[in-house]
N, C-alpha and C. Protein backbone atom coordinates (compact mmCIF):
# COMPACT_ATOMS: atom_id res chain seq x y z
N MET A 1 12.44 69.57 33.20
CA MET A 1 13.41 69.79 32.24
C MET A 1 13.65 71.21 31.59
N HIS A 2 12.47 72.04 31.56
CA HIS A 2 12.47 73.54 31.30
C HIS A 2 13.37 74.29 32.31
N SER A 3 13.23 73.80 33.66
CA SER A 3 14.09 74.60 34.29
C SER A 3 15.79 74.02 34.29
N MET A 4 15.90 72.97 34.12
CA MET A 4 17.43 72.44 33.83
C MET A 4 17.89 73.08 32.47
N LEU A 5 17.31 73.20 31.44
CA LEU A 5 17.69 73.81 30.43
C LEU A 5 18.05 75.35 30.43
N LYS A 6 16.95 76.01 31.29
CA LYS A 6 17.20 77.24 31.60
C LYS A 6 18.45 77.61 32.70
N ASN A 7 18.60 76.63 33.68
CA ASN A 7 19.71 76.82 34.36
C ASN A 7 21.16 76.46 33.89
N MET A 8 20.92 75.59 32.79
CA MET A 8 22.29 75.39 31.95
C MET A 8 22.44 76.48 30.99
N GLY A 9 21.38 77.08 30.55
CA GLY A 9 21.92 78.27 29.77
C GLY A 9 22.64 79.45 30.80
N ILE A 10 21.91 79.61 31.57
CA ILE A 10 22.57 80.64 32.54
C ILE A 10 23.85 80.34 33.16
N LEU A 11 24.20 78.90 33.38
CA LEU A 11 25.66 78.70 33.63
C LEU A 11 26.33 78.95 32.28
N ALA A 12 25.89 78.70 31.33
CA ALA A 12 26.90 78.88 30.03
C ALA A 12 27.26 80.37 29.77
N TRP A 13 26.12 81.23 30.17
CA TRP A 13 26.41 82.73 29.70
C TRP A 13 27.27 83.02 31.22
N ILE A 14 27.32 82.61 32.15
CA ILE A 14 28.17 83.08 33.46
C ILE A 14 29.53 82.58 32.84
N GLY A 15 29.73 81.41 32.30
CA GLY A 15 30.98 80.69 32.14
C GLY A 15 31.60 81.56 30.84
N CYS A 16 30.79 82.38 30.13
CA CYS A 16 31.04 83.46 29.13
C CYS A 16 31.74 84.75 29.70
N LEU A 17 30.90 85.22 30.94
CA LEU A 17 31.36 86.26 31.42
C LEU A 17 32.75 86.05 32.48
N VAL A 18 32.95 84.84 32.92
CA VAL A 18 34.05 84.65 33.73
C VAL A 18 35.09 84.52 32.80
N THR A 19 35.15 83.92 31.68
CA THR A 19 36.17 83.60 30.44
C THR A 19 36.39 85.36 30.21
N LEU A 20 35.48 86.15 29.93
CA LEU A 20 36.03 87.73 29.61
C LEU A 20 36.45 88.46 30.68
N ALA A 21 36.10 88.23 31.95
CA ALA A 21 36.51 88.61 33.01
C ALA A 21 38.27 88.44 33.20
N TYR A 22 38.49 87.05 32.86
CA TYR A 22 39.73 86.53 32.91
C TYR A 22 40.51 87.05 31.93
N GLN A 23 39.93 87.02 30.78
CA GLN A 23 41.00 87.72 29.47
C GLN A 23 40.80 89.42 29.84
N SER A 24 40.02 89.87 30.58
CA SER A 24 40.28 91.55 30.63
C SER A 24 41.29 91.62 31.81
N ILE A 25 41.21 90.62 32.90
CA ILE A 25 42.28 91.01 33.96
C ILE A 25 43.58 90.71 33.39
N SER A 26 43.68 89.70 32.53
CA SER A 26 45.17 89.33 32.11
C SER A 26 45.45 90.66 30.92
N TRP A 27 44.60 90.89 30.36
CA TRP A 27 44.95 92.14 29.34
C TRP A 27 45.31 93.45 30.35
N THR A 28 44.77 93.69 31.32
CA THR A 28 44.90 94.63 32.29
C THR A 28 46.47 94.48 32.78
N LEU A 29 46.83 93.35 33.26
CA LEU A 29 48.05 93.19 34.05
C LEU A 29 49.35 92.93 33.08
N SER A 30 49.06 92.60 31.74
CA SER A 30 50.20 92.05 30.74
C SER A 30 49.97 92.61 29.57
N ALA A 31 49.01 93.58 29.17
CA ALA A 31 48.65 94.33 27.85
C ALA A 31 48.68 93.44 27.14
N ALA A 32 48.39 91.91 27.10
CA ALA A 32 48.10 91.27 25.83
C ALA A 32 46.86 90.31 26.07
N TRP A 33 46.03 90.47 25.10
CA TRP A 33 44.73 89.59 25.17
C TRP A 33 44.94 88.22 24.84
N PRO A 34 44.93 87.38 26.01
CA PRO A 34 44.97 85.86 25.80
C PRO A 34 43.77 85.34 24.90
N SER A 35 44.33 84.39 23.95
CA SER A 35 43.56 83.56 23.46
C SER A 35 43.24 82.33 23.98
N VAL A 36 41.87 82.29 24.58
CA VAL A 36 41.55 81.01 25.19
C VAL A 36 40.73 80.02 24.39
N THR A 37 41.12 79.19 23.56
CA THR A 37 40.32 78.45 22.91
C THR A 37 39.81 77.26 23.38
N LEU A 38 38.75 76.37 22.98
CA LEU A 38 38.21 75.35 23.30
C LEU A 38 39.27 74.18 23.49
N LEU A 39 40.31 74.27 22.40
CA LEU A 39 41.00 73.18 22.59
C LEU A 39 42.00 73.27 23.76
N ASP A 40 42.43 74.68 23.96
CA ASP A 40 43.49 75.06 25.37
C ASP A 40 42.92 74.28 26.56
N VAL A 41 41.46 74.91 26.57
CA VAL A 41 40.67 74.45 27.93
C VAL A 41 40.43 72.78 27.96
N LEU A 42 39.78 72.22 26.78
CA LEU A 42 39.66 70.76 27.23
C LEU A 42 40.85 70.07 27.65
N HIS A 43 42.13 70.42 26.77
CA HIS A 43 43.40 69.94 27.33
C HIS A 43 43.90 70.14 28.64
N SER A 44 43.90 71.70 29.08
CA SER A 44 44.43 72.00 30.19
C SER A 44 43.75 71.61 31.36
N LEU A 45 42.21 72.04 31.54
CA LEU A 45 41.67 71.59 32.74
C LEU A 45 41.15 70.03 32.96
N PHE A 46 40.64 69.44 31.75
CA PHE A 46 40.12 68.16 31.45
C PHE A 46 41.39 66.99 31.28
N GLY A 47 42.23 67.52 30.95
CA GLY A 47 43.37 66.51 30.28
C GLY A 47 42.78 65.53 28.90
N ILE A 48 41.91 66.28 28.61
CA ILE A 48 41.51 65.48 27.25
C ILE A 48 42.31 65.91 25.74
N ASP A 49 42.72 64.90 25.18
CA ASP A 49 43.77 65.05 23.98
C ASP A 49 42.60 64.82 22.93
N LEU A 50 42.01 66.06 22.54
CA LEU A 50 41.09 66.23 21.60
C LEU A 50 41.67 65.81 20.28
N LEU A 51 42.57 66.14 19.84
CA LEU A 51 43.45 65.92 18.48
C LEU A 51 43.50 64.41 18.29
N SER A 52 43.90 63.47 19.49
CA SER A 52 43.69 62.04 19.18
C SER A 52 42.54 61.48 18.67
N PHE A 53 41.47 61.97 19.29
CA PHE A 53 39.96 61.64 19.09
C PHE A 53 39.67 62.18 17.41
N ILE A 54 40.13 63.12 17.20
CA ILE A 54 39.82 63.65 16.04
C ILE A 54 40.43 63.05 14.80
N SER A 55 41.76 62.30 15.10
CA SER A 55 42.48 61.81 14.33
C SER A 55 41.60 60.51 13.73
N ASN A 56 40.86 59.84 14.45
CA ASN A 56 39.97 58.75 14.21
C ASN A 56 38.66 59.10 13.49
N LEU A 57 38.56 60.36 13.12
CA LEU A 57 37.44 60.66 12.13
C LEU A 57 37.64 60.78 10.79
N PRO A 58 36.83 60.53 9.91
CA PRO A 58 37.04 60.90 8.52
C PRO A 58 37.69 62.03 8.17
N LEU A 59 38.51 62.26 7.09
CA LEU A 59 39.44 63.44 6.94
C LEU A 59 38.54 64.61 6.87
N ASP A 60 37.40 64.67 6.14
CA ASP A 60 36.64 66.14 5.90
C ASP A 60 36.06 66.37 7.30
N MET A 61 35.64 65.45 8.28
CA MET A 61 35.33 65.69 9.68
C MET A 61 36.38 66.30 10.46
N SER A 62 37.52 65.67 10.21
CA SER A 62 38.79 65.89 11.14
C SER A 62 38.97 67.28 10.82
N ALA A 63 39.10 67.65 9.78
CA ALA A 63 39.49 69.15 9.29
C ALA A 63 38.85 70.24 9.82
N LYS A 64 37.32 69.78 9.75
CA LYS A 64 36.47 70.90 10.26
C LYS A 64 36.45 70.96 11.60
N ALA A 65 36.51 69.77 12.35
CA ALA A 65 36.76 69.45 14.06
C ALA A 65 38.03 70.24 14.30
N ILE A 66 39.31 70.34 13.69
CA ILE A 66 40.34 70.84 14.18
C ILE A 66 40.08 72.27 13.78
N TYR A 67 39.65 72.66 12.85
CA TYR A 67 39.33 74.07 12.47
C TYR A 67 38.50 74.87 13.71
N VAL A 68 37.61 74.29 13.99
CA VAL A 68 36.47 74.93 15.06
C VAL A 68 37.22 74.83 16.39
N CYS A 69 38.24 73.61 16.81
CA CYS A 69 38.60 73.57 18.09
C CYS A 69 39.82 74.73 18.26
N PHE A 70 40.72 74.79 17.04
CA PHE A 70 41.80 75.82 17.21
C PHE A 70 41.35 77.33 17.10
N THR A 71 40.29 77.61 16.45
CA THR A 71 39.74 79.07 16.49
C THR A 71 38.30 79.34 17.08
N THR A 72 37.76 78.52 17.83
CA THR A 72 36.68 78.91 18.44
C THR A 72 37.07 79.45 20.08
N GLN A 73 36.73 80.56 20.19
CA GLN A 73 37.04 81.30 21.50
C GLN A 73 36.02 80.58 22.52
N LEU A 74 36.54 80.42 23.63
CA LEU A 74 35.59 80.07 24.91
C LEU A 74 34.39 80.74 24.79
N THR A 75 34.71 82.15 24.99
CA THR A 75 33.59 83.06 25.12
C THR A 75 32.32 82.87 24.15
N LEU A 76 32.99 82.96 22.80
CA LEU A 76 31.77 82.58 21.64
C LEU A 76 31.28 81.21 21.98
N PHE A 77 31.90 80.17 22.44
CA PHE A 77 31.35 78.77 22.59
C PHE A 77 30.14 78.90 23.95
N PHE A 78 30.50 79.50 24.99
CA PHE A 78 29.76 79.61 25.91
C PHE A 78 28.36 80.41 25.58
N TRP A 79 28.46 81.51 24.97
CA TRP A 79 27.46 82.47 24.34
C TRP A 79 26.74 81.60 23.65
N TRP A 80 26.96 81.09 22.59
CA TRP A 80 26.17 80.07 21.93
C TRP A 80 25.54 79.08 22.27
N LEU A 81 26.42 78.29 23.40
CA LEU A 81 25.90 77.08 23.69
C LEU A 81 24.59 77.83 24.94
N GLY A 82 24.66 78.99 25.28
CA GLY A 82 23.77 79.56 26.20
C GLY A 82 22.38 79.83 25.25
N VAL A 83 22.51 80.33 24.13
CA VAL A 83 21.64 80.78 23.18
C VAL A 83 20.95 79.48 22.64
N VAL A 84 21.62 78.22 22.30
CA VAL A 84 20.96 77.15 22.09
C VAL A 84 20.15 76.40 23.22
N LEU A 85 20.68 76.56 24.26
CA LEU A 85 19.81 76.05 25.46
C LEU A 85 18.61 76.79 25.65
N PHE A 86 18.79 78.06 25.86
CA PHE A 86 17.51 78.87 25.94
C PHE A 86 16.59 78.73 24.86
N MET A 87 17.03 78.63 23.51
CA MET A 87 16.10 78.10 22.38
C MET A 87 15.35 76.70 22.47
N THR A 88 16.18 76.00 23.00
CA THR A 88 15.58 74.58 23.19
C THR A 88 14.66 74.61 24.21
N GLN A 89 14.81 75.28 25.28
CA GLN A 89 13.98 75.36 26.52
C GLN A 89 12.56 75.97 25.98
N PHE A 90 12.79 76.84 25.24
CA PHE A 90 11.56 77.66 24.87
C PHE A 90 10.64 76.69 23.87
N LEU A 91 11.53 75.92 22.88
CA LEU A 91 10.72 75.24 22.04
C LEU A 91 10.11 74.20 22.67
N THR A 92 10.99 73.53 23.71
CA THR A 92 10.02 72.38 24.20
C THR A 92 9.05 72.85 25.17
N GLN A 93 9.10 74.04 25.75
CA GLN A 93 8.09 74.52 26.51
C GLN A 93 6.60 74.78 25.49
N ILE A 94 6.94 75.33 24.19
CA ILE A 94 5.80 75.48 23.30
C ILE A 94 5.27 74.12 22.77
N PHE A 95 6.37 73.09 22.51
CA PHE A 95 5.88 71.66 21.98
C PHE A 95 5.25 70.76 22.70
N ILE A 96 6.15 70.59 23.80
CA ILE A 96 5.78 69.85 24.74
C ILE A 96 5.56 69.99 26.19
N ARG A 97 4.13 70.48 26.16
CA ARG A 97 3.48 71.15 27.49
C ARG A 97 3.09 69.83 28.37
N LYS A 98 3.79 69.65 29.15
CA LYS A 98 3.54 68.86 30.36
C LYS A 98 3.42 69.43 31.78
C-alpha cells in the first residue's frame, strides 16, 4: 500500500509537470497562456459531463463544486493530489506498520 501511494503521488507530480510543459510550449508558440481547468480536461479527454452530475447535488454543494471545477487549474490539482498522496503514505507508514 505504501509503494502504491508513493507511485500515485509521483504520477500526480509528473502530471503537473506535463501540464506545465504543455502550457509553456503553447505560450511559446502562440504567446497566450492556455487555461487548462479540471472541467475542461474531464470533458474533453474522458467525455464526462460534470455539470450534469453536479446539477443533482444540493444547491450549496453545487455552487461550491462548480466554482472548484471552473477555477481549479489542472497543475494545482495534480500538485495538491501528490501532496495528499504523499502525506497519506507517510501517515499510514507511521500508524499502520505492517
